[in-house]
Amino acid sequence: AATITSGGSTNYADSVKGRFTISRDGAKNTVYLQMN
């Protein structure tokens, strides 16, 4: 569905592009997937 590299580059499947967003929070050591 989505990926994020250590450098912050993101990639999305065509089926979710524009609707999903992958992000990260270093303080919480957590990666998120916001799905709209």
Full PDB file with SEQRES, HELIX, SHEET, SSBOND, CRYST1, ORIGX, SCALE, CONECT and MASTER records, all heavy atoms in Angstrom:
SEQRES   1 A   36  ALA ALA THR ILE THR SER GLY GLY SER THR ASN TYR ALA          
SEQRES   2 A   36  ASP SER VAL LYS GLY ARG PHE THR ILE SER ARG ASP GLY          
SEQRES   3 A   36  ALA LYS ASN THR VAL TYR LEU GLN MET ASN                      
SHEET    1 AA1 2 ALA A   2  ILE A   4  0                                        
SHEET    2 AA1 2 THR A  10  TYR A  12 -1                                        
SHEET    1 AA2 2 PHE A  20  ASP A  25  0                                        
SHEET    2 AA2 2 THR A  30  MET A  35 -1                                        
CRYST1    1.000    1.000    1.000  90.00  90.00  90.00 P 1           1          
ORIGX1      1.000000  0.000000  0.000000        0.00000                         
ORIGX2      0.000000  1.000000  0.000000        0.00000                         
ORIGX3      0.000000  0.000000  1.000000        0.00000                         
SCALE1      1.000000  0.000000  0.000000        0.00000                         
SCALE2      0.000000  1.000000  0.000000        0.00000                         
SCALE3      0.000000  0.000000  1.000000        0.00000                         
ATOM      1  N   ALA A   1       0.816  -1.202   0.000  1.00  0.00           N  
ATOM      2  CA  ALA A   1       0.000   0.000   0.000  1.00  0.00           C  
ATOM      3  C   ALA A   1       0.855   1.259   0.000  1.00  0.00           C  
ATOM      4  O   ALA A   1       0.609   2.184  -0.778  1.00  0.00           O  
ATOM      5  CB  ALA A   1      -0.950   0.010   1.198  1.00  0.00           C  
ATOM      6  N   ALA A   2       1.843   1.310   0.873  1.00  0.00           N  
ATOM      7  CA  ALA A   2       2.681   2.496   0.991  1.00  0.00           C  
ATOM      8  C   ALA A   2       3.996   2.151   1.650  1.00  0.00           C  
ATOM      9  O   ALA A   2       4.062   1.245   2.489  1.00  0.00           O  
ATOM     10  CB  ALA A   2       1.966   3.588   1.792  1.00  0.00           C  
ATOM     11  N   THR A   3       5.047   2.875   1.283  1.00  0.00           N  
ATOM     12  CA  THR A   3       6.358   2.693   1.895  1.00  0.00           C  
ATOM     13  C   THR A   3       6.991   4.044   2.184  1.00  0.00           C  
ATOM     14  O   THR A   3       6.657   5.047   1.560  1.00  0.00           O  
ATOM     15  CB  THR A   3       7.320   1.887   1.004  1.00  0.00           C  
ATOM     16  OG1 THR A   3       7.517   2.579  -0.233  1.00  0.00           O  
ATOM     17  CG2 THR A   3       6.787   0.489   0.734  1.00  0.00           C  
ATOM     18  N   ILE A   4       7.914   4.033   3.129  1.00  0.00           N  
ATOM     19  CA  ILE A   4       8.715   5.212   3.418  1.00  0.00           C  
ATOM     20  C   ILE A   4      10.129   4.746   3.726  1.00  0.00           C  
ATOM     21  O   ILE A   4      10.338   3.816   4.507  1.00  0.00           O  
ATOM     22  CB  ILE A   4       8.116   6.038   4.583  1.00  0.00           C  
ATOM     23  CG1 ILE A   4       8.926   7.322   4.788  1.00  0.00           C  
ATOM     24  CG2 ILE A   4       8.027   5.223   5.865  1.00  0.00           C  
ATOM     25  CD1 ILE A   4       8.229   8.334   5.695  1.00  0.00           C  
ATOM     26  N   THR A   5      11.107   5.373   3.096  1.00  0.00           N  
ATOM     27  CA  THR A   5      12.496   5.010   3.312  1.00  0.00           C  
ATOM     28  C   THR A   5      13.059   5.754   4.505  1.00  0.00           C  
ATOM     29  O   THR A   5      12.442   6.664   5.049  1.00  0.00           O  
ATOM     30  CB  THR A   5      13.343   5.327   2.070  1.00  0.00           C  
ATOM     31  OG1 THR A   5      13.432   6.754   1.910  1.00  0.00           O  
ATOM     32  CG2 THR A   5      12.734   4.718   0.819  1.00  0.00           C  
ATOM     33  N   SER A   6      14.261   5.367   4.907  1.00  0.00           N  
ATOM     34  CA  SER A   6      14.915   6.037   6.028  1.00  0.00           C  
ATOM     35  C   SER A   6      15.147   7.512   5.735  1.00  0.00           C  
ATOM     36  O   SER A   6      15.190   8.328   6.657  1.00  0.00           O  
ATOM     37  CB  SER A   6      16.250   5.352   6.350  1.00  0.00           C  
ATOM     38  OG  SER A   6      17.130   5.381   5.238  1.00  0.00           O  
ATOM     39  N   GLY A   7      15.277   7.844   4.454  1.00  0.00           N  
ATOM     40  CA  GLY A   7      15.467   9.222   4.058  1.00  0.00           C  
ATOM     41  C   GLY A   7      14.188  10.019   3.924  1.00  0.00           C  
ATOM     42  O   GLY A   7      14.232  11.227   3.688  1.00  0.00           O  
ATOM     43  N   GLY A   8      13.048   9.353   4.059  1.00  0.00           N  
ATOM     44  CA  GLY A   8      11.775  10.040   4.015  1.00  0.00           C  
ATOM     45  C   GLY A   8      11.035   9.965   2.691  1.00  0.00           C  
ATOM     46  O   GLY A   8       9.944  10.527   2.565  1.00  0.00           O  
ATOM     47  N   SER A   9      11.608   9.301   1.701  1.00  0.00           N  
ATOM     48  CA  SER A   9      10.929   9.156   0.424  1.00  0.00           C  
ATOM     49  C   SER A   9       9.745   8.210   0.565  1.00  0.00           C  
ATOM     50  O   SER A   9       9.838   7.181   1.232  1.00  0.00           O  
ATOM     51  CB  SER A   9      11.883   8.630  -0.639  1.00  0.00           C  
ATOM     52  OG  SER A   9      12.951   9.532  -0.859  1.00  0.00           O  
ATOM     53  N   THR A  10       8.639   8.551  -0.073  1.00  0.00           N  
ATOM     54  CA  THR A  10       7.427   7.746   0.026  1.00  0.00           C  
ATOM     55  C   THR A  10       7.012   7.202  -1.330  1.00  0.00           C  
ATOM     56  O   THR A  10       7.341   7.769  -2.378  1.00  0.00           O  
ATOM     57  CB  THR A  10       6.270   8.549   0.622  1.00  0.00           C  
ATOM     58  OG1 THR A  10       6.023   9.708  -0.193  1.00  0.00           O  
ATOM     59  CG2 THR A  10       6.604   9.007   2.037  1.00  0.00           C  
ATOM     60  N   ASN A  11       6.280   6.113  -1.284  1.00  0.00           N  
ATOM     61  CA  ASN A  11       5.758   5.488  -2.485  1.00  0.00           C  
ATOM     62  C   ASN A  11       4.407   4.879  -2.155  1.00  0.00           C  
ATOM     63  O   ASN A  11       4.209   4.339  -1.066  1.00  0.00           O  
ATOM     64  CB  ASN A  11       6.718   4.418  -3.004  1.00  0.00           C  
ATOM     65  CG  ASN A  11       6.311   3.887  -4.365  1.00  0.00           C  
ATOM     66  OD1 ASN A  11       5.903   4.644  -5.232  1.00  0.00           O  
ATOM     67  ND2 ASN A  11       6.442   2.581  -4.559  1.00  0.00           N  
ATOM     68  N   TYR A  12       3.472   4.976  -3.107  1.00  0.00           N  
ATOM     69  CA  TYR A  12       2.119   4.498  -2.878  1.00  0.00           C  
ATOM     70  C   TYR A  12       1.632   3.653  -4.035  1.00  0.00           C  
ATOM     71  O   TYR A  12       1.989   3.881  -5.192  1.00  0.00           O  
ATOM     72  CB  TYR A  12       1.147   5.664  -2.703  1.00  0.00           C  
ATOM     73  CG  TYR A  12       1.462   6.569  -1.537  1.00  0.00           C  
ATOM     74  CD1 TYR A  12       2.263   7.692  -1.702  1.00  0.00           C  
ATOM     75  CD2 TYR A  12       0.957   6.296  -0.274  1.00  0.00           C  
ATOM     76  CE1 TYR A  12       2.556   8.524  -0.638  1.00  0.00           C  
ATOM     77  CE2 TYR A  12       1.239   7.117   0.797  1.00  0.00           C  
ATOM     78  CZ  TYR A  12       2.039   8.233   0.615  1.00  0.00           C  
ATOM     79  OH  TYR A  12       2.323   9.053   1.679  1.00  0.00           O  
ATOM     80  N   ALA A  13       0.799   2.688  -3.704  1.00  0.00           N  
ATOM     81  CA  ALA A  13       0.112   1.939  -4.739  1.00  0.00           C  
ATOM     82  C   ALA A  13      -0.877   2.863  -5.444  1.00  0.00           C  
ATOM     83  O   ALA A  13      -1.433   3.776  -4.832  1.00  0.00           O  
ATOM     84  CB  ALA A  13      -0.622   0.748  -4.137  1.00  0.00           C  
ATOM     85  N   ASP A  14      -1.091   2.625  -6.725  1.00  0.00           N  
ATOM     86  CA  ASP A  14      -2.013   3.463  -7.481  1.00  0.00           C  
ATOM     87  C   ASP A  14      -3.414   3.474  -6.867  1.00  0.00           C  
ATOM     88  O   ASP A  14      -4.118   4.486  -6.930  1.00  0.00           O  
ATOM     89  CB  ASP A  14      -2.093   2.987  -8.931  1.00  0.00           C  
ATOM     90  CG  ASP A  14      -0.827   3.271  -9.714  1.00  0.00           C  
ATOM     91  OD1 ASP A  14      -0.052   4.154  -9.298  1.00  0.00           O  
ATOM     92  OD2 ASP A  14      -0.613   2.614 -10.740  1.00  0.00           O  
ATOM     93  N   SER A  15      -3.806   2.371  -6.277  1.00  0.00           N  
ATOM     94  CA  SER A  15      -5.143   2.250  -5.727  1.00  0.00           C  
ATOM     95  C   SER A  15      -5.381   3.130  -4.501  1.00  0.00           C  
ATOM     96  O   SER A  15      -6.532   3.409  -4.163  1.00  0.00           O  
ATOM     97  CB  SER A  15      -5.438   0.789  -5.375  1.00  0.00           C  
ATOM     98  OG  SER A  15      -4.492   0.293  -4.444  1.00  0.00           O  
ATOM     99  N   VAL A  16      -4.311   3.567  -3.843  1.00  0.00           N  
ATOM    100  CA  VAL A  16      -4.460   4.378  -2.635  1.00  0.00           C  
ATOM    101  C   VAL A  16      -3.884   5.770  -2.785  1.00  0.00           C  
ATOM    102  O   VAL A  16      -4.069   6.615  -1.897  1.00  0.00           O  
ATOM    103  CB  VAL A  16      -3.824   3.691  -1.407  1.00  0.00           C  
ATOM    104  CG1 VAL A  16      -4.325   2.264  -1.260  1.00  0.00           C  
ATOM    105  CG2 VAL A  16      -2.296   3.718  -1.503  1.00  0.00           C  
ATOM    106  N   LYS A  17      -3.204   6.034  -3.865  1.00  0.00           N  
ATOM    107  CA  LYS A  17      -2.558   7.322  -4.076  1.00  0.00           C  
ATOM    108  C   LYS A  17      -3.580   8.457  -4.029  1.00  0.00           C  
ATOM    109  O   LYS A  17      -4.633   8.383  -4.654  1.00  0.00           O  
ATOM    110  CB  LYS A  17      -1.820   7.319  -5.409  1.00  0.00           C  
ATOM    111  CG  LYS A  17      -0.886   8.500  -5.615  1.00  0.00           C  
ATOM    112  CD  LYS A  17      -0.060   8.327  -6.890  1.00  0.00           C  
ATOM    113  CE  LYS A  17       0.842   7.111  -6.803  1.00  0.00           C  
ATOM    114  NZ  LYS A  17       1.702   6.968  -8.012  1.00  0.00           N  
ATOM    115  N   GLY A  18      -3.253   9.482  -3.268  1.00  0.00           N  
ATOM    116  CA  GLY A  18      -4.143  10.613  -3.110  1.00  0.00           C  
ATOM    117  C   GLY A  18      -5.101  10.476  -1.947  1.00  0.00           C  
ATOM    118  O   GLY A  18      -5.729  11.460  -1.545  1.00  0.00           O  
ATOM    119  N   ARG A  19      -5.229   9.267  -1.419  1.00  0.00           N  
ATOM    120  CA  ARG A  19      -6.130   9.025  -0.297  1.00  0.00           C  
ATOM    121  C   ARG A  19      -5.386   8.629   0.974  1.00  0.00           C  
ATOM    122  O   ARG A  19      -5.820   8.965   2.075  1.00  0.00           O  
ATOM    123  CB  ARG A  19      -7.143   7.933  -0.646  1.00  0.00           C  
ATOM    124  CG  ARG A  19      -8.022   8.278  -1.844  1.00  0.00           C  
ATOM    125  CD  ARG A  19      -9.117   7.228  -2.046  1.00  0.00           C  
ATOM    126  NE  ARG A  19      -8.567   5.911  -2.322  1.00  0.00           N  
ATOM    127  CZ  ARG A  19      -8.742   4.837  -1.544  1.00  0.00           C  
ATOM    128  NH1 ARG A  19      -9.469   4.937  -0.440  1.00  0.00           N  
ATOM    129  NH2 ARG A  19      -8.212   3.675  -1.887  1.00  0.00           N  
ATOM    130  N   PHE A  20      -4.283   7.911   0.814  1.00  0.00           N  
ATOM    131  CA  PHE A  20      -3.502   7.442   1.955  1.00  0.00           C  
ATOM    132  C   PHE A  20      -2.217   8.248   2.073  1.00  0.00           C  
ATOM    133  O   PHE A  20      -1.640   8.672   1.067  1.00  0.00           O  
ATOM    134  CB  PHE A  20      -3.132   5.964   1.799  1.00  0.00           C  
ATOM    135  CG  PHE A  20      -4.278   5.001   1.934  1.00  0.00           C  
ATOM    136  CD1 PHE A  20      -5.599   5.434   1.932  1.00  0.00           C  
ATOM    137  CD2 PHE A  20      -4.019   3.647   2.065  1.00  0.00           C  
ATOM    138  CE1 PHE A  20      -6.648   4.539   2.053  1.00  0.00           C  
ATOM    139  CE2 PHE A  20      -5.057   2.742   2.189  1.00  0.00           C  
ATOM    140  CZ  PHE A  20      -6.370   3.178   2.183  1.00  0.00           C  
ATOM    141  N   THR A  21      -1.755   8.433   3.298  1.00  0.00           N  
ATOM    142  CA  THR A  21      -0.499   9.111   3.558  1.00  0.00           C  
ATOM    143  C   THR A  21       0.288   8.356   4.616  1.00  0.00           C  
ATOM    144  O   THR A  21      -0.230   8.091   5.703  1.00  0.00           O  
ATOM    145  CB  THR A  21      -0.724  10.559   4.035  1.00  0.00           C  
ATOM    146  OG1 THR A  21      -1.478  11.284   3.057  1.00  0.00           O  
ATOM    147  CG2 THR A  21       0.620  11.259   4.239  1.00  0.00           C  
ATOM    148  N   ILE A  22       1.523   8.014   4.304  1.00  0.00           N  
ATOM    149  CA  ILE A  22       2.394   7.368   5.269  1.00  0.00           C  
ATOM    150  C   ILE A  22       3.302   8.429   5.883  1.00  0.00           C  
ATOM    151  O   ILE A  22       3.810   9.301   5.186  1.00  0.00           O  
ATOM    152  CB  ILE A  22       3.211   6.223   4.628  1.00  0.00           C  
ATOM    153  CG1 ILE A  22       3.979   5.435   5.694  1.00  0.00           C  
ATOM    154  CG2 ILE A  22       4.148   6.740   3.547  1.00  0.00           C  
ATOM    155  CD1 ILE A  22       4.603   4.151   5.166  1.00  0.00           C  
ATOM    156  N   SER A  23       3.492   8.362   7.181  1.00  0.00           N  
ATOM    157  CA  SER A  23       4.316   9.335   7.884  1.00  0.00           C  
ATOM    158  C   SER A  23       4.956   8.675   9.095  1.00  0.00           C  
ATOM    159  O   SER A  23       4.677   7.514   9.402  1.00  0.00           O  
ATOM    160  CB  SER A  23       3.487  10.555   8.302  1.00  0.00           C  
ATOM    161  OG  SER A  23       2.462  10.183   9.206  1.00  0.00           O  
ATOM    162  N   ARG A  24       5.796   9.422   9.787  1.00  0.00           N  
ATOM    163  CA  ARG A  24       6.496   8.861  10.941  1.00  0.00           C  
ATOM    164  C   ARG A  24       6.696   9.901  12.018  1.00  0.00           C  
ATOM    165  O   ARG A  24       6.726  11.110  11.758  1.00  0.00           O  
ATOM    166  CB  ARG A  24       7.849   8.276  10.510  1.00  0.00           C  
ATOM    167  CG  ARG A  24       8.758   9.297   9.840  1.00  0.00           C  
ATOM    168  CD  ARG A  24       9.978   8.636   9.238  1.00  0.00           C  
ATOM    169  NE  ARG A  24      10.823   9.608   8.550  1.00  0.00           N  
ATOM    170  CZ  ARG A  24      11.937   9.315   7.915  1.00  0.00           C  
ATOM    171  NH1 ARG A  24      12.358   8.052   7.868  1.00  0.00           N  
ATOM    172  NH2 ARG A  24      12.641  10.266   7.314  1.00  0.00           N  
ATOM    173  N   ASP A  25       6.845   9.427  13.242  1.00  0.00           N  
ATOM    174  CA  ASP A  25       7.082  10.270  14.406  1.00  0.00           C  
ATOM    175  C   ASP A  25       8.271   9.678  15.143  1.00  0.00           C  
ATOM    176  O   ASP A  25       8.149   8.630  15.786  1.00  0.00           O  
ATOM    177  CB  ASP A  25       5.850  10.325  15.299  1.00  0.00           C  
ATOM    178  CG  ASP A  25       5.999  11.295  16.454  1.00  0.00           C  
ATOM    179  OD1 ASP A  25       7.128  11.534  16.908  1.00  0.00           O  
ATOM    180  OD2 ASP A  25       4.971  11.821  16.912  1.00  0.00           O  
ATOM    181  N   GLY A  26       9.414  10.336  15.050  1.00  0.00           N  
ATOM    182  CA  GLY A  26      10.616   9.819  15.676  1.00  0.00           C  
ATOM    183  C   GLY A  26      10.527   9.752  17.191  1.00  0.00           C  
ATOM    184  O   GLY A  26      11.059   8.824  17.807  1.00  0.00           O  
ATOM    185  N   ALA A  27       9.861  10.725  17.803  1.00  0.00           N  
ATOM    186  CA  ALA A  27       9.738  10.754  19.254  1.00  0.00           C  
ATOM    187  C   ALA A  27       8.984   9.540  19.771  1.00  0.00           C  
ATOM    188  O   ALA A  27       9.262   9.041  20.861  1.00  0.00           O  
ATOM    189  CB  ALA A  27       9.058  12.037  19.703  1.00  0.00           C  
ATOM    190  N   LYS A  28       8.022   9.075  19.000  1.00  0.00           N  
ATOM    191  CA  LYS A  28       7.234   7.913  19.394  1.00  0.00           C  
ATOM    192  C   LYS A  28       7.710   6.632  18.727  1.00  0.00           C  
ATOM    193  O   LYS A  28       7.168   5.559  19.007  1.00  0.00           O  
ATOM    194  CB  LYS A  28       5.763   8.148  19.066  1.00  0.00           C  
ATOM    195  CG  LYS A  28       5.142   9.308  19.822  1.00  0.00           C  
ATOM    196  CD  LYS A  28       3.669   9.455  19.480  1.00  0.00           C  
ATOM    197  CE  LYS A  28       3.038  10.583  20.271  1.00  0.00           C  
ATOM    198  NZ  LYS A  28       1.594  10.735  19.956  1.00  0.00           N  
ATOM    199  N   ASN A  29       8.713   6.754  17.855  1.00  0.00           N  
ATOM    200  CA  ASN A  29       9.232   5.608  17.108  1.00  0.00           C  
ATOM    201  C   ASN A  29       8.091   4.859  16.421  1.00  0.00           C  
ATOM    202  O   ASN A  29       8.000   3.627  16.479  1.00  0.00           O  
ATOM    203  CB  ASN A  29      10.018   4.660  18.018  1.00  0.00           C  
ATOM    204  CG  ASN A  29      11.188   4.007  17.292  1.00  0.00           C  
ATOM    205  OD1 ASN A  29      11.877   4.651  16.500  1.00  0.00           O  
ATOM    206  ND2 ASN A  29      11.418   2.725  17.553  1.00  0.00           N  
ATOM    207  N   THR A  30       7.247   5.619  15.758  1.00  0.00           N  
ATOM    208  CA  THR A  30       6.023   5.089  15.189  1.00  0.00           C  
ATOM    209  C   THR A  30       5.844   5.552  13.748  1.00  0.00           C  
ATOM    210  O   THR A  30       6.162   6.696  13.408  1.00  0.00           O  
ATOM    211  CB  THR A  30       4.809   5.528  16.018  1.00  0.00           C  
ATOM    212  OG1 THR A  30       4.920   4.988  17.338  1.00  0.00           O  
ATOM    213  CG2 THR A  30       3.505   5.058  15.394  1.00  0.00           C  
ATOM    214  N   VAL A  31       5.349   4.658  12.926  1.00  0.00           N  
ATOM    215  CA  VAL A  31       4.986   4.965  11.555  1.00  0.00           C  
ATOM    216  C   VAL A  31       3.472   4.903  11.442  1.00  0.00           C  
ATOM    217  O   VAL A  31       2.844   3.997  11.989  1.00  0.00           O  
ATOM    218  CB  VAL A  31       5.645   3.989  10.565  1.00  0.00           C  
ATOM    219  CG1 VAL A  31       5.144   4.235   9.146  1.00  0.00           C  
ATOM    220  CG2 VAL A  31       7.155   4.140  10.613  1.00  0.00           C  
ATOM    221  N   TYR A  32       2.894   5.855  10.723  1.00  0.00           N  
ATOM    222  CA  TYR A  32       1.455   5.952  10.602  1.00  0.00           C  
ATOM    223  C   TYR A  32       1.006   5.752   9.159  1.00  0.00           C  
ATOM    224  O   TYR A  32       1.743   5.987   8.213  1.00  0.00           O  
ATOM    225  CB  TYR A  32       0.957   7.323  11.068  1.00  0.00           C  
ATOM    226  CG  TYR A  32       1.319   7.669  12.482  1.00  0.00           C  
ATOM    227  CD1 TYR A  32       2.420   8.468  12.760  1.00  0.00           C  
ATOM    228  CD2 TYR A  32       0.558   7.197  13.549  1.00  0.00           C  
ATOM    229  CE1 TYR A  32       2.755   8.793  14.064  1.00  0.00           C  
ATOM    230  CE2 TYR A  32       0.882   7.516  14.850  1.00  0.00           C  
ATOM    231  CZ  TYR A  32       1.986   8.316  15.102  1.00  0.00           C  
ATOM    232  OH  TYR A  32       2.315   8.637  16.388  1.00  0.00           O  
ATOM    233  N   LEU A  33      -0.223   5.338   9.015  1.00  0.00           N  
ATOM    234  CA  LEU A  33      -0.877   5.325   7.718  1.00  0.00           C  
ATOM    235  C   LEU A  33      -2.223   6.015   7.883  1.00  0.00           C  
ATOM    236  O   LEU A  33      -3.149   5.446   8.461  1.00  0.00           O  
ATOM    237  CB  LEU A  33      -1.069   3.900   7.189  1.00  0.00           C  
ATOM    238  CG  LEU A  33      -1.664   3.814   5.782  1.00  0.00           C  
ATOM    239  CD1 LEU A  33      -0.687   4.376   4.754  1.00  0.00           C  
ATOM    240  CD2 LEU A  33      -2.039   2.381   5.427  1.00  0.00           C  
ATOM    241  N   GLN A  34      -2.304   7.243   7.399  1.00  0.00           N  
ATOM    242  CA  GLN A  34      -3.556   7.985   7.429  1.00  0.00           C  
ATOM    243  C   GLN A  34      -4.366   7.600   6.203  1.00  0.00           C  
ATOM    244  O   GLN A  34      -3.902   7.770   5.074  1.00  0.00           O  
ATOM    245  CB  GLN A  34      -3.290   9.489   7.440  1.00  0.00           C  
ATOM    246  CG  GLN A  34      -4.547  10.345   7.431  1.00  0.00           C  
ATOM    247  CD  GLN A  34      -5.358  10.206   8.698  1.00  0.00           C  
ATOM    248  OE1 GLN A  34      -4.808  10.243   9.791  1.00  0.00           O  
ATOM    249  NE2 GLN A  34      -6.666  10.032   8.549  1.00  0.00           N  
ATOM    250  N   MET A  35      -5.555   7.099   6.413  1.00  0.00           N  
ATOM    251  CA  MET A  35      -6.407   6.628   5.334  1.00  0.00           C  
ATOM    252  C   MET A  35      -7.663   7.484   5.280  1.00  0.00           C  
ATOM    253  O   MET A  35      -8.451   7.503   6.227  1.00  0.00           O  
ATOM    254  CB  MET A  35      -6.765   5.156   5.535  1.00  0.00           C  
ATOM    255  CG  MET A  35      -5.552   4.246   5.685  1.00  0.00           C  
ATOM    256  SD  MET A  35      -6.006   2.490   5.828  1.00  0.00           S  
ATOM    257  CE  MET A  35      -6.867   2.523   7.409  1.00  0.00           C  
ATOM    258  N   ASN A  36      -7.836   8.191   4.185  1.00  0.00           N  
ATOM    259  CA  ASN A  36      -8.994   9.040   3.976  1.00  0.00           C  
ATOM    260  C   ASN A  36      -9.814   8.532   2.797  1.00  0.00           C  
ATOM    261  O   ASN A  36      -9.338   7.765   1.970  1.00  0.00           O  
ATOM    262  CB  ASN A  36      -8.565  10.489   3.722  1.00  0.00           C  
ATOM    263  CG  ASN A  36      -7.814  11.101   4.879  1.00  0.00           C  
ATOM    264  OD1 ASN A  36      -8.095  10.811   6.036  1.00  0.00           O  
ATOM    265  ND2 ASN A  36      -6.858  11.971   4.568  1.00  0.00           N  
TER     266      ASN A  36                                                      
MASTER        0    0    0    0    4    0    0    6  265    1    0    3          
END                                                                             
